[in-house]
N, C-alpha and C. Protein backbone atom coordinates (compact mmCIF):
# COMPACT_ATOMS: atom_id res chain seq x y z
N MET A 1 89.89 106.78 112.54
CA MET A 1 89.92 106.11 111.36
C MET A 1 91.13 106.54 110.46
N LYS A 2 91.58 106.26 109.72
CA LYS A 2 92.72 107.09 108.91
C LYS A 2 91.70 107.33 107.20
N SER A 3 91.69 108.03 106.78
CA SER A 3 91.15 107.87 105.37
C SER A 3 92.26 107.46 104.07
N LEU A 4 91.90 106.98 103.11
CA LEU A 4 93.15 106.70 101.85
C LEU A 4 93.81 107.53 101.86
N LYS A 5 93.72 109.09 101.57
CA LYS A 5 95.21 109.37 101.68
C LYS A 5 95.56 109.81 102.87
N GLU A 6 95.73 109.52 103.83
CA GLU A 6 96.30 109.18 105.22
C GLU A 6 97.12 108.15 105.41
N ASN A 7 96.37 107.09 105.01
CA ASN A 7 96.97 105.66 104.85
C ASN A 7 98.26 105.62 104.57
N LYS A 8 99.01 104.81 105.34
CA LYS A 8 100.14 104.94 104.74
C LYS A 8 100.94 103.67 103.72
N ILE A 9 99.56 103.17 103.40
CA ILE A 9 100.09 102.12 102.50
C ILE A 9 99.62 102.11 101.17
N PHE A 10 98.77 103.32 100.81
CA PHE A 10 98.10 103.74 99.77
C PHE A 10 99.02 105.23 99.24
N LYS A 11 99.17 105.33 98.31
CA LYS A 11 100.37 106.48 97.28
C LYS A 11 99.38 106.87 96.54
N LEU A 12 99.05 108.61 96.81
CA LEU A 12 98.38 108.91 95.73
C LEU A 12 99.07 109.41 94.58
N ASP A 13 98.21 109.20 93.53
CA ASP A 13 99.05 109.32 91.88
C ASP A 13 98.18 110.27 91.43
N LYS A 14 98.16 111.83 90.87
CA LYS A 14 97.55 112.74 89.95
C LYS A 14 97.60 112.79 88.69
N ASN A 15 98.96 111.96 88.35
CA ASN A 15 99.31 112.13 87.06
C ASN A 15 98.41 111.41 85.86
N GLY A 16 97.62 110.10 86.08
CA GLY A 16 96.98 109.31 85.23
C GLY A 16 95.55 110.58 84.60
N LEU A 17 94.96 109.53 83.92
CA LEU A 17 93.72 109.94 83.49
C LEU A 17 92.58 110.62 84.38
N SER A 18 92.52 109.68 86.16
CA SER A 18 92.03 110.02 86.68
C SER A 18 92.66 109.89 88.38
N LEU A 19 92.25 110.62 89.21
CA LEU A 19 93.28 110.19 90.19
C LEU A 19 93.30 109.11 90.75
N ALA A 20 94.58 108.29 91.52
CA ALA A 20 94.52 106.96 91.40
C ALA A 20 95.48 106.85 92.54
N PHE A 21 95.06 105.86 93.40
CA PHE A 21 95.80 105.42 94.95
C PHE A 21 96.52 104.31 94.24
N PHE A 22 97.82 104.09 94.72
CA PHE A 22 98.55 103.00 94.58
C PHE A 22 99.10 101.85 96.06
N ILE A 23 98.68 100.53 95.77
CA ILE A 23 98.83 100.24 97.01
C ILE A 23 100.26 100.13 97.18
N LYS A 24 100.97 100.35 98.57
CA LYS A 24 102.15 100.22 98.22
C LYS A 24 102.80 98.40 98.71
N LYS A 25 101.94 97.38 99.11
CA LYS A 25 101.99 96.23 99.74
C LYS A 25 101.59 95.23 98.24
N LYS A 26 102.87 93.88 98.48
CA LYS A 26 102.24 93.00 97.26
C LYS A 26 101.13 92.37 97.79
N ASN A 27 100.93 91.92 98.68
CA ASN A 27 99.80 91.26 99.05
C ASN A 27 98.80 92.19 99.61
N PHE A 28 97.22 92.02 99.70
CA PHE A 28 96.34 93.40 99.63
C PHE A 28 95.16 92.97 99.79
N LEU A 29 94.62 92.75 100.66
CA LEU A 29 93.05 92.49 100.75
C LEU A 29 92.09 93.85 100.36
N ILE A 30 91.29 93.86 99.38
CA ILE A 30 90.36 95.14 99.11
C ILE A 30 88.81 94.86 99.83
N THR A 31 88.53 95.48 100.60
CA THR A 31 87.68 95.23 101.79
C THR A 31 86.33 96.35 101.43
N LYS A 32 85.29 95.89 101.91
CA LYS A 32 84.09 97.08 101.60
C LYS A 32 84.55 98.33 102.31
N LYS A 33 85.04 97.72 103.63
CA LYS A 33 85.73 99.50 104.07
C LYS A 33 86.50 100.27 103.26
N ILE A 34 87.39 99.60 102.36
CA ILE A 34 88.43 100.40 101.68
C ILE A 34 87.46 100.94 100.55
N ILE A 35 86.49 100.04 99.49
CA ILE A 35 85.66 100.83 98.78
C ILE A 35 84.64 102.13 99.29
N SER A 36 84.32 101.53 100.44
CA SER A 36 83.30 102.72 100.84
C SER A 36 84.08 104.13 101.34
N ASP A 37 85.90 104.21 101.71
CA ASP A 37 87.03 105.22 101.76
C ASP A 37 86.80 106.31 100.84
N LEU A 38 86.96 104.98 99.49
CA LEU A 38 87.38 105.38 98.33
C LEU A 38 86.22 106.33 97.49
N GLU A 39 84.76 105.75 98.16
CA GLU A 39 83.80 106.37 97.54
C GLU A 39 83.58 107.54 98.37
N LYS A 40 83.92 107.67 99.26
CA LYS A 40 83.72 108.57 100.51
C LYS A 40 85.32 110.06 99.77
N PHE A 41 86.08 109.43 99.47
CA PHE A 41 87.27 110.26 98.91
C PHE A 41 86.81 110.93 97.98
N SER A 42 85.69 110.26 96.83
CA SER A 42 85.32 110.94 95.73
C SER A 42 84.48 112.15 95.70
N LYS A 43 83.38 111.86 96.80
CA LYS A 43 82.47 112.52 97.50
C LYS A 43 83.35 114.08 98.15
N LYS A 44 84.39 113.80 98.79
CA LYS A 44 84.86 115.32 99.18
C LYS A 44 85.59 115.87 98.27
N ASN A 45 85.96 115.70 97.11
CA ASN A 45 86.43 115.83 96.40
C ASN A 45 85.72 116.34 94.57
N ASN A 46 84.60 116.34 95.09
CA ASN A 46 83.66 116.81 94.47
C ASN A 46 83.37 116.27 93.17
N ASN A 47 83.06 114.97 93.88
CA ASN A 47 82.33 113.83 92.80
C ASN A 47 83.81 113.57 91.87
N THR A 48 84.58 113.55 92.12
CA THR A 48 85.52 113.12 91.11
C THR A 48 86.01 111.69 90.68
N ASP A 49 86.35 111.27 89.67
CA ASP A 49 86.36 110.00 89.47
C ASP A 49 87.99 109.59 89.88
N VAL A 50 87.57 107.83 90.38
CA VAL A 50 89.30 107.85 91.36
C VAL A 50 89.09 106.39 90.96
N ARG A 51 90.58 105.67 91.14
CA ARG A 51 90.91 104.50 91.11
C ARG A 51 91.59 103.62 92.30
N ILE A 52 91.71 102.95 92.62
CA ILE A 52 92.88 102.41 93.32
C ILE A 52 93.57 101.52 92.27
N CYS A 53 94.63 101.38 92.26
CA CYS A 53 95.41 100.45 91.66
C CYS A 53 96.32 99.36 92.41
N MET A 54 95.70 98.27 92.00
CA MET A 54 96.16 96.89 92.73
C MET A 54 97.43 96.49 92.17
N HIS A 55 97.88 96.95 90.84
CA HIS A 55 99.47 96.64 90.50
C HIS A 55 100.26 97.53 91.00
N LEU A 56 101.61 96.88 91.34
CA LEU A 56 102.46 97.61 91.86
C LEU A 56 103.19 98.58 90.87
N SER A 57 102.95 98.39 89.48
CA SER A 57 103.74 99.60 89.16
C SER A 57 102.79 100.04 87.86
N LYS A 58 103.04 101.05 87.01
CA LYS A 58 102.27 101.61 85.58
C LYS A 58 103.09 100.50 84.93
N ARG A 59 103.99 99.90 85.06
CA ARG A 59 104.23 99.08 83.97
C ARG A 59 104.06 97.66 84.15
N SER A 60 103.56 97.13 84.96
CA SER A 60 102.99 95.57 85.33
C SER A 60 102.33 95.25 84.23
N LYS A 61 102.68 93.88 83.83
CA LYS A 61 102.05 93.41 82.91
C LYS A 61 100.38 92.66 82.67
N MET A 62 99.65 93.07 83.98
CA MET A 62 98.33 93.24 84.73
C MET A 62 98.11 93.97 85.58
N GLN A 63 96.97 94.89 84.93
CA GLN A 63 96.18 96.07 85.25
C GLN A 63 95.33 95.80 86.24
N ASN A 64 94.83 96.00 87.41
CA ASN A 64 93.96 95.42 88.48
C ASN A 64 94.05 96.78 88.61
N MET A 65 92.35 97.15 88.85
CA MET A 65 91.88 98.14 89.26
C MET A 65 90.51 98.33 89.80
N ILE A 66 89.96 99.35 90.89
CA ILE A 66 88.85 99.12 91.51
C ILE A 66 88.39 100.80 91.11
N ASN A 67 87.61 101.20 90.39
CA ASN A 67 86.92 102.49 89.50
C ASN A 67 85.84 102.83 89.90
N ILE A 68 85.70 104.27 90.41
CA ILE A 68 84.53 104.56 90.42
C ILE A 68 84.71 105.68 89.11
N ILE A 69 83.52 106.21 88.86
CA ILE A 69 82.97 106.70 87.93
C ILE A 69 81.81 107.08 87.75
N HIS A 70 81.67 108.76 87.94
CA HIS A 70 80.50 109.52 87.93
C HIS A 70 79.97 109.74 86.50
N LYS A 71 78.55 109.81 86.47
CA LYS A 71 77.91 109.50 85.27
C LYS A 71 77.95 111.35 84.44
N LYS A 72 78.19 112.49 85.64
CA LYS A 72 78.43 113.57 84.97
C LYS A 72 79.69 113.80 84.74
N ASN A 73 80.78 112.87 84.98
CA ASN A 73 82.35 113.04 84.60
C ASN A 73 82.19 112.45 83.09
N PHE A 74 81.32 111.77 82.60
CA PHE A 74 81.64 110.46 81.52
C PHE A 74 81.83 110.99 80.45
N THR A 75 82.99 110.88 79.65
CA THR A 75 83.15 111.48 78.33
C THR A 75 83.82 110.28 77.22
N THR A 76 84.20 109.50 77.63
CA THR A 76 84.30 108.25 76.90
C THR A 76 83.90 107.90 75.29
N ARG A 77 84.26 108.03 74.34
CA ARG A 77 83.75 107.11 73.56
C ARG A 77 84.17 105.56 72.77
N PRO A 78 83.72 105.20 71.96
CA PRO A 78 84.52 103.25 71.65
C PRO A 78 85.51 103.76 71.39
N HIS A 79 86.02 102.84 71.56
CA HIS A 79 87.31 102.47 71.51
C HIS A 79 87.85 100.78 71.54
N LYS A 80 89.00 100.71 70.98
CA LYS A 80 89.41 99.22 70.93
C LYS A 80 91.06 99.52 71.39
N HIS A 81 91.16 98.18 72.01
CA HIS A 81 92.83 97.88 72.58
C HIS A 81 93.07 96.73 71.18
N LEU A 82 94.02 96.78 70.05
CA LEU A 82 94.58 95.89 69.36
C LEU A 82 95.05 94.47 70.00
N HIS A 83 95.51 94.83 70.89
CA HIS A 83 96.04 93.38 71.88
C HIS A 83 96.12 92.99 73.00
N LYS A 84 94.85 93.88 73.31
CA LYS A 84 94.60 93.84 74.80
C LYS A 84 93.30 93.26 75.42
N GLU A 85 92.68 92.77 76.40
CA GLU A 85 91.87 92.20 76.80
C GLU A 85 91.33 92.74 78.03
N GLU A 86 89.75 92.79 78.01
CA GLU A 86 89.42 93.37 79.54
C GLU A 86 88.61 93.12 80.49
N ILE A 87 88.56 92.56 81.82
CA ILE A 87 87.27 92.13 82.21
C ILE A 87 86.70 93.38 83.28
N TYR A 88 85.63 93.25 83.25
CA TYR A 88 84.65 94.48 84.54
C TYR A 88 83.47 93.71 85.22
N HIS A 89 83.96 94.10 86.16
CA HIS A 89 83.11 93.21 87.49
C HIS A 89 82.41 94.52 87.89
N LEU A 90 80.97 94.42 88.04
CA LEU A 90 80.31 95.61 88.41
C LEU A 90 80.16 95.10 90.45
N ILE A 91 80.61 96.27 90.60
CA ILE A 91 80.62 96.45 92.68
C ILE A 91 79.46 97.26 93.07
N LYS A 92 79.37 97.99 92.41
CA LYS A 92 77.85 99.14 92.55
C LYS A 92 77.42 99.86 91.66
N GLY A 93 76.14 100.40 91.54
CA GLY A 93 75.21 101.35 90.72
C GLY A 93 74.85 100.30 89.34
N LYS A 94 74.45 100.95 88.07
CA LYS A 94 74.45 100.23 87.07
C LYS A 94 75.24 100.57 85.67
N MET A 95 75.96 99.88 84.91
CA MET A 95 76.51 100.50 84.01
C MET A 95 76.02 100.12 82.45
N LYS A 96 76.24 99.89 81.21
CA LYS A 96 76.30 99.64 80.36
C LYS A 96 77.45 99.39 79.42
N ILE A 97 77.56 98.16 78.58
CA ILE A 97 78.91 98.11 77.85
C ILE A 97 78.27 97.86 76.44
N GLU A 98 78.33 98.56 75.49
CA GLU A 98 78.21 98.52 74.12
C GLU A 98 79.24 97.96 73.54
N TYR A 99 79.28 97.10 72.59
CA TYR A 99 80.62 96.80 71.83
C TYR A 99 80.21 95.79 70.15
N PHE A 100 81.02 96.49 69.79
CA PHE A 100 80.50 95.99 68.27
C PHE A 100 81.37 95.38 67.46
N ILE A 101 80.64 94.17 66.62
CA ILE A 101 80.94 93.09 66.04
C ILE A 101 80.51 93.43 64.30
N LYS A 102 81.57 93.48 63.46
CA LYS A 102 81.07 93.51 62.29
C LYS A 102 80.30 94.51 62.16
N LYS A 103 80.34 96.23 62.16
CA LYS A 103 79.52 97.06 62.09
C LYS A 103 78.25 96.38 63.16
N LYS A 104 78.16 95.81 63.86
CA LYS A 104 76.44 95.25 64.30
C LYS A 104 76.93 95.59 66.17
N LYS A 105 76.07 96.26 66.59
CA LYS A 105 76.00 96.76 68.01
C LYS A 105 74.97 95.77 68.84
N PHE A 106 75.96 95.97 69.61
CA PHE A 106 75.65 94.81 70.91
C PHE A 106 75.85 95.45 72.36
N THR A 107 74.35 95.18 73.23
CA THR A 107 74.61 96.02 74.90
C THR A 107 74.84 94.92 75.64
N ALA A 108 75.46 95.31 76.89
CA ALA A 108 75.31 94.09 77.66
C ALA A 108 75.22 95.18 79.53
N ILE A 109 74.06 94.90 79.77
CA ILE A 109 73.89 95.72 81.33
C ILE A 109 74.27 95.27 82.30
N LEU A 110 75.09 95.79 83.36
CA LEU A 110 75.80 94.95 84.17
C LEU A 110 74.84 95.90 84.89
N GLU A 111 74.32 95.05 86.95
CA GLU A 111 74.12 95.52 87.50
C GLU A 111 74.97 94.76 88.84
N LYS A 112 74.50 95.27 89.79
CA LYS A 112 75.67 94.84 91.10
C LYS A 112 75.21 93.20 91.39
N ASN A 113 76.34 92.90 92.36
CA ASN A 113 76.07 91.58 92.48
C ASN A 113 76.03 90.78 91.68
N PHE A 114 77.55 90.49 91.59
CA PHE A 114 77.90 89.65 90.37
C PHE A 114 77.82 89.44 88.80
N ASN A 115 78.22 90.78 88.42
CA ASN A 115 77.97 90.93 86.99
C ASN A 115 79.24 90.99 86.48
N ILE A 116 80.24 90.28 85.88
CA ILE A 116 81.25 90.22 84.89
C ILE A 116 80.98 89.96 83.40
N PHE A 117 81.57 90.61 82.78
CA PHE A 117 81.58 91.06 81.26
C PHE A 117 83.34 90.82 80.80
N ARG A 118 83.88 89.80 79.98
CA ARG A 118 84.79 89.88 79.67
C ARG A 118 84.88 90.86 78.09
N MET A 119 85.83 91.73 77.77
CA MET A 119 86.09 92.29 76.52
C MET A 119 87.27 91.73 75.76
N SER A 120 86.56 91.13 74.50
CA SER A 120 87.72 90.44 73.87
C SER A 120 88.74 91.46 73.15
N LYS A 121 89.90 91.34 72.96
CA LYS A 121 91.07 92.34 72.27
C LYS A 121 90.15 92.62 71.07
N ASN A 122 90.72 93.60 70.13
CA ASN A 122 90.55 94.45 69.05
C ASN A 122 88.60 94.69 68.27
N THR A 123 88.06 94.95 69.75
CA THR A 123 86.68 95.21 69.63
C THR A 123 86.57 96.22 70.51
N TYR A 124 85.60 97.20 69.19
CA TYR A 124 85.22 98.56 69.87
C TYR A 124 84.09 98.13 70.59
N HIS A 125 84.12 99.48 71.82
CA HIS A 125 83.57 98.84 73.14
C HIS A 125 83.59 100.61 73.47
N ASN A 126 82.37 100.39 74.58
CA ASN A 126 82.46 101.62 75.66
C ASN A 126 81.55 101.21 76.83
N ILE A 127 81.75 101.54 77.73
CA ILE A 127 81.10 101.79 78.94
C ILE A 127 80.70 103.00 79.25
N ILE A 128 79.35 102.85 79.95
CA ILE A 128 78.41 103.68 80.41
C ILE A 128 77.67 103.92 81.40
N PRO A 129 78.10 104.59 82.36
CA PRO A 129 77.01 104.30 83.63
C PRO A 129 75.73 104.81 83.38
N LEU A 130 74.97 104.17 83.69
CA LEU A 130 73.15 104.30 83.73
C LEU A 130 72.99 104.57 85.53
N SER A 131 73.93 105.01 86.23
CA SER A 131 73.54 105.04 87.49
C SER A 131 73.89 106.43 87.66
N LYS A 132 73.96 107.27 88.85
CA LYS A 132 74.78 108.32 88.91
C LYS A 132 76.69 107.95 89.12
N MET A 133 76.22 107.07 89.39
CA MET A 133 78.22 106.52 89.77
C MET A 133 78.21 105.12 89.59
N ILE A 134 79.20 104.57 89.54
CA ILE A 134 79.39 103.30 89.34
C ILE A 134 80.91 102.77 89.90
N ILE A 135 80.62 101.41 90.57
CA ILE A 135 81.69 101.21 91.40
C ILE A 135 82.16 100.00 90.52
N PHE A 136 83.31 99.83 89.81
CA PHE A 136 83.64 98.35 89.16
C PHE A 136 84.77 98.08 89.04
N HIS A 137 85.69 96.53 89.11
CA HIS A 137 87.01 95.90 89.35
C HIS A 137 87.36 95.80 87.99
N GLU A 138 88.25 96.48 87.31
CA GLU A 138 88.52 96.07 85.97
C GLU A 138 90.46 95.39 85.97
N ILE A 139 90.14 94.80 84.86
CA ILE A 139 91.34 93.71 84.82
C ILE A 139 91.92 94.00 83.30
N ARG A 140 92.81 94.47 83.29
CA ARG A 140 93.43 94.45 81.93
C ARG A 140 94.59 94.09 81.64
N GLU A 141 95.30 93.57 80.62
CA GLU A 141 96.49 93.54 80.43
C GLU A 141 97.44 94.71 80.36
N GLY A 142 98.40 95.03 80.55
CA GLY A 142 99.48 96.18 81.03
C GLY A 142 100.49 96.08 79.84
N PRO A 143 101.42 97.15 79.98
CA PRO A 143 101.01 98.37 80.64
C PRO A 143 100.21 99.05 79.82
N PHE A 144 99.68 100.22 80.73
CA PHE A 144 99.02 101.13 79.81
C PHE A 144 99.63 101.83 79.13
N LYS A 145 99.59 102.11 78.01
CA LYS A 145 99.90 103.55 77.01
C LYS A 145 98.58 104.03 76.80
N LYS A 146 98.63 105.29 76.35
CA LYS A 146 97.95 106.00 75.64
C LYS A 146 97.68 105.73 73.92
N THR A 147 98.33 105.37 73.50
CA THR A 147 98.20 104.68 72.12
C THR A 147 98.04 103.36 72.17
N ASP A 148 97.37 102.66 72.95
CA ASP A 148 96.86 101.39 72.78
C ASP A 148 95.47 101.70 72.41
N SER A 149 94.55 102.78 72.74
CA SER A 149 93.50 103.11 72.33
C SER A 149 93.15 103.33 70.87
N ILE A 150 92.25 102.92 69.89
CA ILE A 150 92.00 103.34 68.91
C ILE A 150 90.61 103.48 68.94
N PHE A 151 90.25 104.99 68.79
CA PHE A 151 88.76 105.65 68.89
C PHE A 151 87.92 105.44 67.26
N LYS A 152 86.99 104.97 67.33
CA LYS A 152 86.02 105.00 66.33
C LYS A 152 85.67 105.94 65.93
N LYS A 153 85.54 105.97 64.57
CA LYS A 153 85.14 107.35 63.94
C LYS A 153 83.69 107.61 63.59
């Protein structure tokens, strides 16, 4: 059985914020096996954060990813995207989403088995792993630009 790195359907990209595998096919089914292979890749590489990008290009108008984030690597802080919404669908683990509306903090806890959270544009938010590792599906408007994120002071 081929690993993701050896599989000709995936191309490894080391240039982003985390390691990413891009899928080379337009139509593709993400299975439990593929997510398991992604998890194995992460473990084999010192529990690195990694993702599968289901969008065909970094310039795609819709960014669609399976993310693995380890609690020990977690470094983000509250931020917002002025013109872009995001959707988080937890697959494995437990995570907290903190978001702020008119200086008031709200919290959503996502646990595996069908928890989905929609984040409105122009809303400060932060995801926080509550388990050692989280795997989640993220959908957001693209293309990704470093200048899209405005960090809370």
